[in-house]
Amino acid sequence: MFICRSGARSHQAAALVSQATPRDCYNVLEGFEGDKDASGQRGKIGGWRHAGLPWHS
């Protein structure tokens, strides 16, 4: 499973690994903090954390 702040880097990593190995790869498309809102801040819309999924700080 791959995750990064926005989902962009983890998407690339998952794609590379899935091409190189026969294993299943999963990517969190919205990332941990999701997309930027109208004021440019992350963590307010979308993402793992905003969805209330488990995480530890």
C-alpha atoms as a PDB file:
ATOM      1  CA  MET A   1       0.000   0.000   0.000  1.00  0.00           C
ATOM      2  CA  PHE A   2       1.347   3.407  -0.971  1.00  0.00           C
ATOM      3  CA  ILE A   3       0.402   6.796   0.434  1.00  0.00           C
ATOM      4  CA  CYS A   4       1.919  10.282   0.345  1.00  0.00           C
ATOM      5  CA  ARG A   5       0.619  13.754   1.157  1.00  0.00           C
ATOM      6  CA  SER A   6      -1.305  14.346  -2.086  1.00  0.00           C
ATOM      7  CA  GLY A   7      -1.354  10.929  -3.757  1.00  0.00           C
ATOM      8  CA  ALA A   8       0.791  11.935  -6.746  1.00  0.00           C
ATOM      9  CA  ARG A   9       4.159  10.479  -5.677  1.00  0.00           C
ATOM     10  CA  SER A  10       2.605   7.342  -4.232  1.00  0.00           C
ATOM     11  CA  HIS A  11       0.727   6.793  -7.507  1.00  0.00           C
ATOM     12  CA  GLN A  12       4.017   6.821  -9.420  1.00  0.00           C
ATOM     13  CA  ALA A  13       5.669   4.508  -6.889  1.00  0.00           C
ATOM     14  CA  ALA A  14       2.804   2.012  -6.984  1.00  0.00           C
ATOM     15  CA  ALA A  15       2.850   2.016 -10.791  1.00  0.00           C
ATOM     16  CA  LEU A  16       6.599   1.306 -10.887  1.00  0.00           C
ATOM     17  CA  VAL A  17       6.385  -1.507  -8.340  1.00  0.00           C
ATOM     18  CA  SER A  18       3.388  -3.114 -10.027  1.00  0.00           C
ATOM     19  CA  GLN A  19       5.283  -3.127 -13.350  1.00  0.00           C
ATOM     20  CA  ALA A  20       8.368  -4.679 -11.748  1.00  0.00           C
ATOM     21  CA  THR A  21       6.697  -7.375  -9.639  1.00  0.00           C
ATOM     22  CA  PRO A  22       3.656  -9.630  -9.899  1.00  0.00           C
ATOM     23  CA  ARG A  23       2.333  -8.340  -6.564  1.00  0.00           C
ATOM     24  CA  ASP A  24      -0.836  -6.312  -6.105  1.00  0.00           C
ATOM     25  CA  CYS A  25      -0.163  -2.657  -5.299  1.00  0.00           C
ATOM     26  CA  TYR A  26      -2.635  -0.229  -3.804  1.00  0.00           C
ATOM     27  CA  ASN A  27      -2.449   3.550  -3.772  1.00  0.00           C
ATOM     28  CA  VAL A  28      -4.494   6.033  -1.740  1.00  0.00           C
ATOM     29  CA  LEU A  29      -5.486   8.332  -4.615  1.00  0.00           C
ATOM     30  CA  GLU A  30      -6.370  11.362  -2.480  1.00  0.00           C
ATOM     31  CA  GLY A  31      -3.225  10.971  -0.379  1.00  0.00           C
ATOM     32  CA  PHE A  32      -3.016  11.601   3.345  1.00  0.00           C
ATOM     33  CA  GLU A  33      -4.004  15.289   3.299  1.00  0.00           C
ATOM     34  CA  GLY A  34      -6.042  15.460   0.063  1.00  0.00           C
ATOM     35  CA  ASP A  35      -6.242  18.281  -2.447  1.00  0.00           C
ATOM     36  CA  LYS A  36      -5.699  21.953  -1.702  1.00  0.00           C
ATOM     37  CA  ASP A  37      -8.788  23.989  -0.838  1.00  0.00           C
ATOM     38  CA  ALA A  38      -9.583  27.458  -2.244  1.00  0.00           C
ATOM     39  CA  SER A  39      -7.065  29.062   0.143  1.00  0.00           C
ATOM     40  CA  GLY A  40      -4.301  26.593  -0.788  1.00  0.00           C
ATOM     41  CA  GLN A  41      -4.470  24.556   2.417  1.00  0.00           C
ATOM     42  CA  ARG A  42      -4.465  20.763   2.529  1.00  0.00           C
ATOM     43  CA  GLY A  43      -6.262  18.569   5.043  1.00  0.00           C
ATOM     44  CA  LYS A  44      -9.663  20.263   4.740  1.00  0.00           C
ATOM     45  CA  ILE A  45     -11.079  18.323   1.779  1.00  0.00           C
ATOM     46  CA  GLY A  46     -10.394  14.734   0.794  1.00  0.00           C
ATOM     47  CA  GLY A  47      -7.558  12.548   1.928  1.00  0.00           C
ATOM     48  CA  TRP A  48      -7.037   9.746   4.412  1.00  0.00           C
ATOM     49  CA  ARG A  49      -7.053  11.955   7.501  1.00  0.00           C
ATOM     50  CA  HIS A  50     -10.148  13.968   6.480  1.00  0.00           C
ATOM     51  CA  ALA A  51     -12.024  10.696   5.871  1.00  0.00           C
ATOM     52  CA  GLY A  52     -11.444   9.784   9.523  1.00  0.00           C
ATOM     53  CA  LEU A  53      -9.352   6.728   8.735  1.00  0.00           C
ATOM     54  CA  PRO A  54      -6.911   5.508  11.409  1.00  0.00           C
ATOM     55  CA  TRP A  55      -3.476   7.098  11.773  1.00  0.00           C
ATOM     56  CA  HIS A  56      -0.959   7.947  14.484  1.00  0.00           C
ATOM     57  CA  SER A  57       0.935  11.206  14.814  1.00  0.00           C
END
